[in-house]
Protein backbone atom coordinates (compact mmCIF):
# COMPACT_ATOMS: atom_id res chain seq x y z
CA UNK A 1 85.11 148.59 77.76
CA UNK A 2 87.13 149.32 74.54
CA UNK A 3 87.61 145.62 73.93
CA UNK A 4 83.77 145.23 73.45
CA UNK A 5 83.44 148.07 71.02
CA UNK A 6 82.32 146.86 67.53
CA UNK A 7 85.51 147.93 65.71
CA UNK A 8 87.67 146.12 68.31
CA UNK A 9 85.62 142.95 67.88
CA UNK A 10 85.92 143.20 64.06
CA UNK A 11 89.63 143.49 64.43
CA UNK A 12 89.61 140.49 66.75
CA UNK A 13 87.63 138.24 64.40
CA UNK A 14 89.79 139.16 61.44
CA UNK A 15 92.98 138.33 63.40
CA UNK A 16 91.49 134.98 64.34
CA UNK A 17 90.30 134.22 60.78
CA UNK A 18 93.75 135.07 59.45
CA UNK A 19 95.32 132.42 61.69
CA UNK A 20 93.22 129.58 60.32
CA UNK A 21 95.19 126.80 58.78
CA UNK A 22 94.74 127.02 55.01
CA UNK A 23 94.79 123.64 53.32
CA UNK A 24 94.21 124.92 49.78
CA UNK A 25 96.70 124.60 46.99
CA UNK A 26 99.53 127.18 46.57
CA UNK A 27 97.65 129.25 44.02
CA UNK A 28 95.49 131.15 46.53
CA UNK A 29 94.16 134.23 44.83
CA UNK A 30 91.97 135.24 47.78
CA UNK A 31 92.96 134.88 51.45
CA UNK A 32 91.01 132.62 53.70
CA UNK A 33 90.77 135.36 56.40
CA UNK A 34 89.27 137.77 53.89
CA UNK A 35 86.66 135.29 52.71
CA UNK A 36 85.55 134.47 56.30
CA UNK A 37 85.51 138.08 57.37
CA UNK A 38 83.50 138.91 54.19
CA UNK A 39 80.95 136.30 55.32
CA UNK A 40 80.75 138.03 58.70
CA UNK A 41 80.33 141.39 56.94
CA UNK A 42 77.29 140.09 55.02
CA UNK A 43 75.44 139.45 58.21
CA UNK A 44 76.79 142.49 60.02
CA UNK A 45 75.54 144.78 57.29
CA UNK A 46 72.26 142.75 57.02
CA UNK A 47 72.40 142.23 53.24
CA UNK A 48 69.51 140.16 51.97
CA UNK A 49 71.70 137.90 49.87
CA UNK A 50 75.23 137.14 48.80
CA UNK A 51 74.45 138.59 45.40
CA UNK A 52 73.41 141.88 47.01
CA UNK A 53 76.60 141.99 49.02
CA UNK A 54 78.77 141.37 45.90
CA UNK A 55 76.96 144.04 43.76
CA UNK A 56 77.81 146.67 46.34
CA UNK A 57 81.46 145.79 46.67
CA UNK A 58 82.76 148.60 44.31
CA UNK A 59 81.18 151.34 46.41
CA UNK A 60 81.97 149.65 49.68
CA UNK A 61 85.51 148.58 49.03
CA UNK A 62 87.26 151.19 51.08
CA UNK A 63 84.98 150.89 54.06
CA UNK A 64 85.29 147.11 53.94
CA UNK A 65 89.03 147.52 54.17
CA UNK A 66 88.92 150.20 56.88
CA UNK A 67 86.19 148.83 59.08
CA UNK A 68 86.24 145.06 58.50
CA UNK A 69 90.02 144.92 57.65
CA UNK A 70 89.24 143.02 54.39
CA UNK A 71 91.92 143.50 51.80
CA UNK A 72 90.04 141.89 48.89
CA UNK A 73 86.54 140.37 48.83
CA UNK A 74 86.29 137.16 46.84
CA UNK A 75 83.53 136.91 44.27
CA UNK A 76 80.42 135.02 45.47
CA UNK A 77 81.42 131.69 43.84
CA UNK A 78 84.93 131.80 45.28
CA UNK A 79 83.71 132.82 48.72
CA UNK A 80 81.34 129.89 48.85
CA UNK A 81 83.96 127.48 47.72
CA UNK A 82 86.46 128.75 50.32
CA UNK A 83 84.05 128.78 53.29
CA UNK A 84 82.66 125.40 52.34
CA UNK A 85 86.01 123.76 53.11
CA UNK A 86 86.39 125.33 56.63
CA UNK A 87 85.82 123.08 59.59
CA UNK A 88 82.94 124.63 61.57
CA UNK A 89 84.74 124.14 64.90
CA UNK A 90 87.22 126.90 63.78
CA UNK A 91 84.48 129.42 63.50
CA UNK A 92 83.12 128.35 66.85
CA UNK A 93 86.50 129.02 68.39
CA UNK A 94 86.37 132.64 67.11
CA UNK A 95 83.00 132.99 68.79
CA UNK A 96 84.53 131.57 72.03
CA UNK A 97 87.19 134.29 71.85
CA UNK A 98 84.51 137.01 71.61
CA UNK A 99 82.72 135.46 74.63
CA UNK A 100 86.03 135.53 76.43
CA UNK A 101 86.19 139.29 75.91
CA UNK A 102 82.78 139.68 77.60
CA UNK A 103 84.05 137.58 80.51
CA UNK A 104 87.25 139.65 80.87
CA UNK A 105 85.25 142.82 81.38
CA UNK A 106 83.01 141.27 84.09
CA UNK A 107 79.90 142.02 81.96
CA UNK A 108 78.81 138.40 82.01
CA UNK A 109 78.24 138.66 85.79
CA UNK A 110 75.18 140.88 85.09
CA UNK A 111 73.39 137.71 83.86
CA UNK A 112 73.70 135.89 87.16
CA UNK A 113 70.09 134.89 88.18
CA UNK A 114 70.39 132.54 91.09
CA UNK A 115 73.53 133.01 93.19
CA UNK A 116 76.48 131.60 91.21
CA UNK A 117 74.27 130.44 88.35
CA UNK A 118 73.24 131.93 84.98
CA UNK A 119 70.27 130.81 82.87
CA UNK A 120 71.17 128.82 79.76
CA UNK A 121 68.28 128.46 77.38
CA UNK A 122 68.40 125.47 74.99
CA UNK A 123 66.45 125.03 71.82
CA UNK A 124 66.73 123.87 68.18
CA UNK A 125 66.08 125.83 64.93
CA UNK A 126 65.65 124.76 61.37
CA UNK A 127 67.61 126.71 58.78
CA UNK A 128 67.59 124.82 55.43
CA UNK A 129 65.24 122.54 53.55
CA UNK A 130 65.19 121.40 49.93
CA UNK A 131 63.87 118.56 47.73
CA UNK A 132 66.84 118.77 45.41
CA UNK A 133 69.83 120.51 46.96
CA UNK A 134 71.86 118.37 49.34
CA UNK A 135 75.34 117.80 50.83
CA UNK A 136 77.14 115.10 52.76
CA UNK A 137 75.96 116.57 56.07
CA UNK A 138 72.26 116.88 55.21
CA UNK A 139 69.58 115.17 57.28
CA UNK A 140 67.29 113.08 55.04
CA UNK A 141 63.55 112.64 55.48
CA UNK A 142 62.07 109.95 53.18
CA UNK A 143 58.36 110.38 52.52
CA UNK A 144 55.72 107.73 51.61
CA UNK A 145 55.49 109.13 48.05
CA UNK A 146 59.14 108.33 47.39
CA UNK A 147 60.38 111.90 47.62
CA UNK A 148 63.22 112.96 50.00
CA UNK A 149 63.61 116.24 51.90
CA UNK A 150 67.20 117.37 52.71
CA UNK A 151 67.59 119.71 55.70
CA UNK A 152 69.86 121.32 58.23
CA UNK A 153 69.01 122.27 61.82
CA UNK A 154 71.02 123.66 64.72
CA UNK A 155 70.83 123.55 68.48
CA UNK A 156 71.68 126.73 70.36
CA UNK A 157 72.53 127.61 73.92
CA UNK A 158 71.77 131.18 74.81
CA UNK A 159 72.62 133.05 78.10
CA UNK A 160 69.56 135.16 79.09
CA UNK A 161 68.00 137.02 82.01
CA UNK A 162 64.23 137.53 82.43
CA UNK A 163 64.87 141.26 83.10
CA UNK A 164 67.18 141.89 80.12
CA UNK A 165 66.25 142.28 76.48
CA UNK A 166 69.75 141.26 75.34
CA UNK A 167 70.66 137.61 74.96
CA UNK A 168 74.12 136.15 74.37
CA UNK A 169 74.34 133.03 72.11
CA UNK A 170 77.02 130.97 73.83
CA UNK A 171 77.29 127.76 71.70
CA UNK A 172 75.77 126.18 68.70
CA UNK A 173 75.73 122.52 67.68
CA UNK A 174 74.72 121.50 64.14
CA UNK A 175 72.09 118.73 63.93
CA UNK A 176 73.62 117.08 60.82
CA UNK A 177 74.40 113.64 59.52
CA UNK A 178 77.22 112.24 61.67
CA UNK A 179 80.18 110.33 60.20
CA UNK A 180 79.82 106.57 60.46
CA UNK A 181 76.16 106.72 61.54
CA UNK A 182 73.40 105.40 59.26
CA UNK A 183 70.43 107.05 61.12
CA UNK A 184 69.64 110.78 61.17
CA UNK A 185 71.04 112.90 63.95
CA UNK A 186 68.50 114.18 66.54
CA UNK A 187 68.15 117.02 68.95
CA UNK A 188 68.84 114.88 72.01
CA UNK A 189 72.11 113.55 70.52
CA UNK A 190 73.08 117.09 69.58
CA UNK A 191 72.35 118.26 73.12
CA UNK A 192 74.92 115.79 74.46
CA UNK A 193 77.63 117.31 72.20
CA UNK A 194 76.40 120.80 73.03
CA UNK A 195 76.63 120.09 76.78
CA UNK A 196 80.26 118.86 76.25
CA UNK A 197 81.08 122.10 74.36
CA UNK A 198 79.65 124.28 77.07
CA UNK A 199 81.62 122.48 79.80
CA UNK A 200 84.92 122.32 78.07
CA UNK A 201 84.92 125.93 76.69
CA UNK A 202 83.41 127.70 79.60
CA UNK A 203 85.06 126.23 82.66
CA UNK A 204 84.16 127.89 85.87
CA UNK A 205 80.68 128.95 84.70
CA UNK A 206 77.68 127.34 86.30
CA UNK A 207 74.33 127.27 84.52
CA UNK A 208 70.69 126.48 85.09
CA UNK A 209 69.64 124.82 81.88
CA UNK A 210 66.11 125.92 80.89
CA UNK A 211 64.65 123.36 78.37
CA UNK A 212 61.39 122.07 76.95
CA UNK A 213 59.62 118.80 77.66
CA UNK A 214 61.79 116.84 75.10
CA UNK A 215 64.60 116.89 77.69
CA UNK A 216 62.58 115.61 80.63
CA UNK A 217 64.23 112.17 80.73
CA UNK A 218 66.51 110.45 83.22
CA UNK A 219 69.77 110.12 81.24
CA UNK A 220 69.69 113.82 80.16
CA UNK A 221 68.93 115.01 83.73
CA UNK A 222 71.81 112.95 85.09
CA UNK A 223 74.18 114.38 82.51
CA UNK A 224 73.26 117.94 83.48
CA UNK A 225 73.93 117.27 87.17
CA UNK A 226 77.31 115.51 86.72
CA UNK A 227 79.14 118.79 86.46
CA UNK A 228 77.24 120.76 89.07
CA UNK A 229 74.68 122.41 86.74
CA UNK A 230 71.03 122.61 87.59
CA UNK A 231 67.86 122.47 85.46
CA UNK A 232 64.39 123.85 84.98
CA UNK A 233 62.64 121.68 82.39
CA UNK A 234 58.97 122.12 81.24
CA UNK A 235 56.84 118.98 81.57
CA UNK A 236 53.68 117.93 79.89
CA UNK A 237 51.35 114.89 80.25
CA UNK A 238 52.75 111.97 78.30
CA UNK A 239 56.29 113.34 78.33
CA UNK A 240 59.27 111.50 79.93
CA UNK A 241 58.31 113.08 83.26
CA UNK A 242 54.54 112.78 82.82
CA UNK A 243 54.33 110.63 85.97
CA UNK A 244 55.50 113.70 88.02
CA UNK A 245 52.26 115.45 86.98
CA UNK A 246 50.37 112.31 87.98
CA UNK A 247 52.05 112.27 91.43
CA UNK A 248 51.22 116.00 91.89
CA UNK A 249 47.60 115.53 90.91
CA UNK A 250 47.30 112.56 93.34
CA UNK A 251 48.78 114.62 96.20
CA UNK A 252 46.55 117.54 95.35
CA UNK A 253 43.46 115.40 96.10
CA UNK A 254 44.83 114.04 99.32
CA UNK A 255 43.76 115.26 102.72
CA UNK A 256 46.32 115.70 105.55
CA UNK A 257 45.00 112.41 106.96
CA UNK A 258 45.74 110.59 103.71
CA UNK A 259 49.30 111.85 103.72
CA UNK A 260 50.39 109.88 106.79
CA UNK A 261 50.58 106.07 106.72
CA UNK A 262 48.09 104.26 108.92
CA UNK A 263 49.03 102.97 112.41
CA UNK A 264 48.70 99.35 111.15
CA UNK A 265 50.97 100.10 108.30
CA UNK A 266 53.41 101.84 110.68
CA UNK A 267 53.40 98.94 113.09
CA UNK A 268 54.13 96.49 110.32
CA UNK A 269 56.93 98.73 108.96
CA UNK A 270 58.45 99.12 112.46
CA UNK A 271 58.46 95.36 112.95
CA UNK A 272 60.24 94.88 109.66
CA UNK A 273 62.84 97.57 110.36
CA UNK A 274 63.53 96.27 113.92
CA UNK A 275 64.10 92.86 112.60
CA UNK A 276 67.05 94.34 110.65
CA UNK A 277 68.13 96.57 113.54
CA UNK A 278 66.90 99.74 111.89
CA UNK A 279 64.73 102.42 113.48
CA UNK A 280 62.51 104.38 111.05
CA UNK A 281 60.03 107.05 111.92
CA UNK A 282 56.56 107.23 110.36
CA UNK A 283 56.98 109.15 107.09
CA UNK A 284 54.67 111.66 105.54
CA UNK A 285 54.24 111.87 101.75
CA UNK A 286 55.28 115.05 99.90
CA UNK A 287 53.02 118.04 100.41
CA UNK A 288 51.65 120.42 97.81
CA UNK A 289 52.22 124.00 98.81
CA UNK A 290 49.84 126.64 97.38
CA UNK A 291 50.21 130.40 96.86
CA UNK A 292 47.71 132.72 95.34
CA UNK A 293 48.37 136.28 94.16
CA UNK A 294 45.58 138.57 92.99
CA UNK A 295 46.38 141.27 90.46
CA UNK A 296 44.22 143.67 88.46
CA UNK A 297 42.63 141.23 85.99
CA UNK A 298 44.20 137.94 86.80
CA UNK A 299 44.86 135.58 89.72
CA UNK A 300 48.22 133.93 89.79
CA UNK A 301 48.32 130.53 91.48
CA UNK A 302 51.59 128.76 92.36
CA UNK A 303 51.70 125.15 93.46
CA UNK A 304 54.96 123.43 94.34
CA UNK A 305 56.01 120.11 95.76
CA UNK A 306 59.49 118.85 96.55
CA UNK A 307 60.82 115.25 96.51
CA UNK A 308 58.86 113.51 93.75
CA UNK A 309 60.47 110.82 91.55
CA UNK A 310 61.07 111.51 87.86
CA UNK A 311 59.30 108.47 86.40
CA UNK A 312 58.73 104.75 86.90
CA UNK A 313 62.06 103.91 85.34
CA UNK A 314 64.08 106.44 87.48
CA UNK A 315 62.38 106.37 90.89
CA UNK A 316 65.71 107.06 92.54
CA UNK A 317 66.01 110.41 90.67
CA UNK A 318 64.30 112.97 92.81
CA UNK A 319 62.97 116.23 91.32
CA UNK A 320 60.92 119.12 92.51
CA UNK A 321 57.73 120.24 90.75
CA UNK A 322 56.16 123.65 90.06
CA UNK A 323 52.63 124.29 88.68
CA UNK A 324 51.75 127.82 87.64
CA UNK A 325 48.49 129.09 86.28
CA UNK A 326 46.77 132.47 85.59
CA UNK A 327 42.98 132.67 85.88
CA UNK A 328 40.82 135.54 84.68
CA UNK A 329 39.21 137.45 87.60
CA UNK A 330 36.19 138.17 85.45
CA UNK A 331 35.46 134.57 84.13
CA UNK A 332 37.45 132.34 86.47
CA UNK A 333 38.89 130.49 83.44
CA UNK A 334 42.44 129.46 83.19
CA UNK A 335 44.21 131.54 80.60
CA UNK A 336 47.77 130.28 81.01
CA UNK A 337 49.25 127.14 82.58
CA UNK A 338 52.80 125.88 82.81
CA UNK A 339 54.52 123.10 84.73
CA UNK A 340 58.21 122.35 85.31
CA UNK A 341 60.56 120.06 87.12
CA UNK A 342 63.75 121.33 88.72
CA UNK A 343 66.48 120.18 91.04
CA UNK A 344 66.37 123.57 92.86
CA UNK A 345 64.63 123.23 96.21
CA UNK A 346 61.36 125.17 95.81
CA UNK A 347 60.30 127.56 98.52
CA UNK A 348 57.72 130.28 98.93
CA UNK A 349 60.50 132.81 98.54
CA UNK A 350 61.87 131.47 95.23
CA UNK A 351 58.86 129.83 93.44
CA UNK A 352 58.03 133.03 91.46
CA UNK A 353 61.75 133.31 90.44
CA UNK A 354 61.67 129.76 89.12
CA UNK A 355 58.48 130.46 87.21
CA UNK A 356 60.02 133.53 85.57
CA UNK A 357 63.08 131.55 84.64
CA UNK A 358 60.94 128.76 83.14
CA UNK A 359 58.75 131.22 81.21
CA UNK A 360 61.89 133.09 80.06
CA UNK A 361 62.69 130.23 77.74
CA UNK A 362 60.69 132.05 75.06
CA UNK A 363 63.62 134.45 74.86
CA UNK A 364 65.53 131.92 72.73
CA UNK A 365 62.62 131.80 70.31
CA UNK A 366 61.63 135.47 70.28
CA UNK A 367 64.83 137.29 71.12
CA UNK A 368 67.12 134.96 69.15
CA UNK A 369 65.52 132.90 66.36
CA UNK A 370 62.73 135.37 65.53
CA UNK A 371 65.26 138.23 65.54
CA UNK A 372 67.46 136.30 63.11
CA UNK A 373 64.45 135.49 60.89
CA UNK A 374 62.61 138.81 60.92
CA UNK A 375 64.92 141.70 61.96
CA UNK A 376 67.32 141.94 59.05
CA UNK A 377 69.65 138.85 59.35
CA UNK A 378 67.64 136.85 56.79
CA UNK A 379 68.03 133.55 58.59
CA UNK A 380 65.43 131.91 56.29
CA UNK A 381 67.38 132.82 53.15
CA UNK A 382 69.77 130.26 51.67
CA UNK A 383 73.02 132.13 51.21
CA UNK A 384 74.70 129.01 49.94
CA UNK A 385 74.59 125.31 50.57
CA UNK A 386 77.84 123.88 49.33
CA UNK A 387 79.10 120.25 49.30
CA UNK A 388 80.45 120.09 52.82
CA UNK A 389 80.17 122.77 55.55
CA UNK A 390 78.94 125.95 53.73
CA UNK A 391 75.35 125.88 55.03
CA UNK A 392 76.49 125.31 58.61
CA UNK A 393 79.32 127.92 58.41
CA UNK A 394 77.02 130.65 57.11
CA UNK A 395 74.70 129.94 60.02
CA UNK A 396 77.60 130.14 62.49
CA UNK A 397 78.80 133.41 60.95
CA UNK A 398 75.31 134.83 61.32
CA UNK A 399 75.23 133.90 64.96
CA UNK A 400 78.62 135.48 65.38
CA UNK A 401 77.38 138.77 63.86
CA UNK A 402 74.27 138.55 66.07
CA UNK A 403 76.48 138.10 69.17
CA UNK A 404 78.54 141.17 68.27
CA UNK A 405 75.32 143.18 67.78
CA UNK A 406 73.94 141.98 71.10
CA UNK A 407 77.17 143.03 72.83
CA UNK A 408 76.74 146.55 71.32
CA UNK A 409 73.14 146.76 72.49
CA UNK A 410 74.24 145.69 75.98
CA UNK A 411 77.39 147.85 76.47
CA UNK A 412 77.96 150.39 73.65
CA UNK A 413 76.46 153.78 74.42
CA UNK A 414 76.94 154.99 70.82
CA UNK A 415 75.07 151.97 69.49
CA UNK A 416 72.21 152.57 71.97
CA UNK A 417 71.94 156.23 71.00
CA UNK A 418 71.99 155.32 67.27
CA UNK A 419 69.28 152.71 67.81
CA UNK A 420 67.15 155.19 69.67
CA UNK A 421 67.60 157.80 66.84
CA UNK A 422 66.71 155.25 64.16
CA UNK A 423 63.80 154.02 66.37
CA UNK A 424 63.87 150.39 65.04
CA UNK A 425 66.68 147.97 64.41
CA UNK A 426 65.53 147.57 60.77
CA UNK A 427 65.92 151.33 60.27
CA UNK A 428 69.20 151.36 61.98
CA UNK A 429 70.57 148.68 59.63
CA UNK A 430 69.18 150.75 56.72
CA UNK A 431 71.03 153.80 57.97
CA UNK A 432 74.26 151.91 58.48
CA UNK A 433 74.17 150.45 54.98
CA UNK A 434 73.39 153.83 53.41
CA UNK A 435 76.42 155.51 55.07
CA UNK A 436 78.65 152.41 54.49
CA UNK A 437 77.90 152.59 50.74
CA UNK A 438 78.12 156.34 50.06
CA UNK A 439 80.80 157.86 52.33
CA UNK A 440 84.31 156.98 53.68
CA UNK A 441 84.51 156.12 57.33
CA UNK A 442 87.39 154.93 59.47
CA UNK A 443 85.19 152.95 61.86
CA UNK A 444 81.66 151.75 62.59
CA UNK A 445 81.69 154.08 65.54
CA UNK A 446 81.95 157.03 63.16
CA UNK A 447 78.93 155.74 61.35
CA UNK A 448 77.00 155.58 64.62
CA UNK A 449 78.00 159.19 65.37
CA UNK A 450 76.82 160.29 61.89
CA UNK A 451 73.42 158.65 62.54
CA UNK A 452 73.10 160.31 65.98
CA UNK A 453 74.45 163.77 65.22
CA UNK A 454 74.14 164.16 61.53
CA UNK A 455 76.91 165.28 59.18
CA UNK A 456 78.02 168.12 56.97
CA UNK A 457 79.46 167.97 53.45
CA UNK A 458 81.37 171.02 52.31
CA UNK A 459 81.73 170.01 48.74
CA UNK A 460 80.06 167.37 46.56
CA UNK A 461 81.97 165.93 43.61
CA UNK A 462 80.04 164.03 40.99
CA UNK A 463 81.97 161.31 39.20
CA UNK A 464 82.03 161.82 35.41
CA UNK A 465 81.67 158.96 32.92
CA UNK A 466 85.06 158.52 31.27
CA UNK A 467 83.33 157.42 28.02
C-alpha cells in the first residue's frame, strides 16, 4: 500500500495545494501551495503554536523541503494572511482525495460493520471562543450583561468500528454564520449540509449514522433514509423521540392478555372493515423482547421492541427501540443505562451488535476530539483567527493531519513499530520533532527507521560562529 505511506500522502497533498486557484495580486512572494503545506506541517509535527513552528524553520528548512516538499515557508503573518483567503471547500477536497486513496486500496472495507454498511459517527466540537476577537463567520452569543462571545464550532463525521482503535474522519462542516442569515447557525442545520457532503462526495458508500438525542426528530430521520442510509440514534426522556420510551414503558407493564384487543373491540372493528369491503385480522400490539446475560460482576439486560412510532407528530414513521442496562451482581443497582431508536430490525441475534454500535459513538469524542485536544495536536490553541476563513482552515488542516496519522496507525508497519518503540504517541511526536530538527532525512519513513533501529554518526561537526 505505497500510496498510503506518509511520504506519498504528503506528496499528494502538496500537489493538490499547488493546483489551488490563487486570486492574489501578481506580487506573490510566497506560493499558495507552500503556505498550505506549511499549515499541514505544523499539525503533522505537533508544534504547540505557529510561533514555535516559525522559530524552528532555520534548522528544519532542508527537511521541510525534502519531506513536505515546501520550497519556502512564509513568515507567520504572511502564512495567516494567505490561508485566511482560501475557501475551506478547497481544503476539504484535498481530504477527499486522501480518502479516495484509502478506498482504492480496499482498506475502507475493513470498517464494514453490518453487511454493506459502515458506522458513521456524528458530533460537534467547539474550537474557538473569545470576547474580543471576531471575524465575519463567527457565531455570536449575546449575554444579559451586554457582553458578546464570538465562537467557532465544527460538526464532524467519522468512520469507526467498535473493534478498531483507529477512526477515519470523513467530512467536516463548520458551524458558522451563514451568508444572508440573521440568526446563528446550529448543529442541526450544519448536519443537513454535512449529510449532503457525505452523499455527494462518497457515492456508493452506505452508512449507519450513529448520533445523539439531538437528532431524534422526524425531518432528520427522513433525510437519513432518503438515500438508503440507516440510523442508530440515542433517545432520552423529553427528547424528540421521548414518546418512544413512553410506548416501551407502557408495553413493558402489559400482560399478554392486555396486548390483544378485546372480542367486543374486534367485533366492532370487523363490522367497520366489512362495511368498506376490507377484511382485517385481530392485531396484537408490539411485544417487548427481553434477554439477560450474566457475567462476572454485572448482569447485562437487553430489551427490544420493533414497530413503534417516532412521536405524536410522526406516527407514520416507524422505528425500533433498544433498551440496554448493566446491573451490579453484588448490589442489584443499575450502573449503566442506554436507549436507542433504529430502523434496523432488531432480533435476538443482532441486538448486542446494535448496542455496541450505539455505545461506540464515544469514539468520536475520545478517539477523535480528545486526541486532538490532548495528544499533541493542540486543538484548544488558537493558531490564528483571521478576518475570513483562517480559524476554520486551520481546524481543517488539523483534521487532515490527523487523518494521515490515523492511516499510518492503521496500515503502516513502520509507524506501528515506531509507536511501539516510543510507547506513547506524545513520545513519538517528541522523537519525530527531535530528528526532524537535528538531522537531514529524505523521508518520514527514514525518521521512523531511526526511531526503531537507532542510528550511527561517524563524525560530528560543530558549527563555528563567524563573528
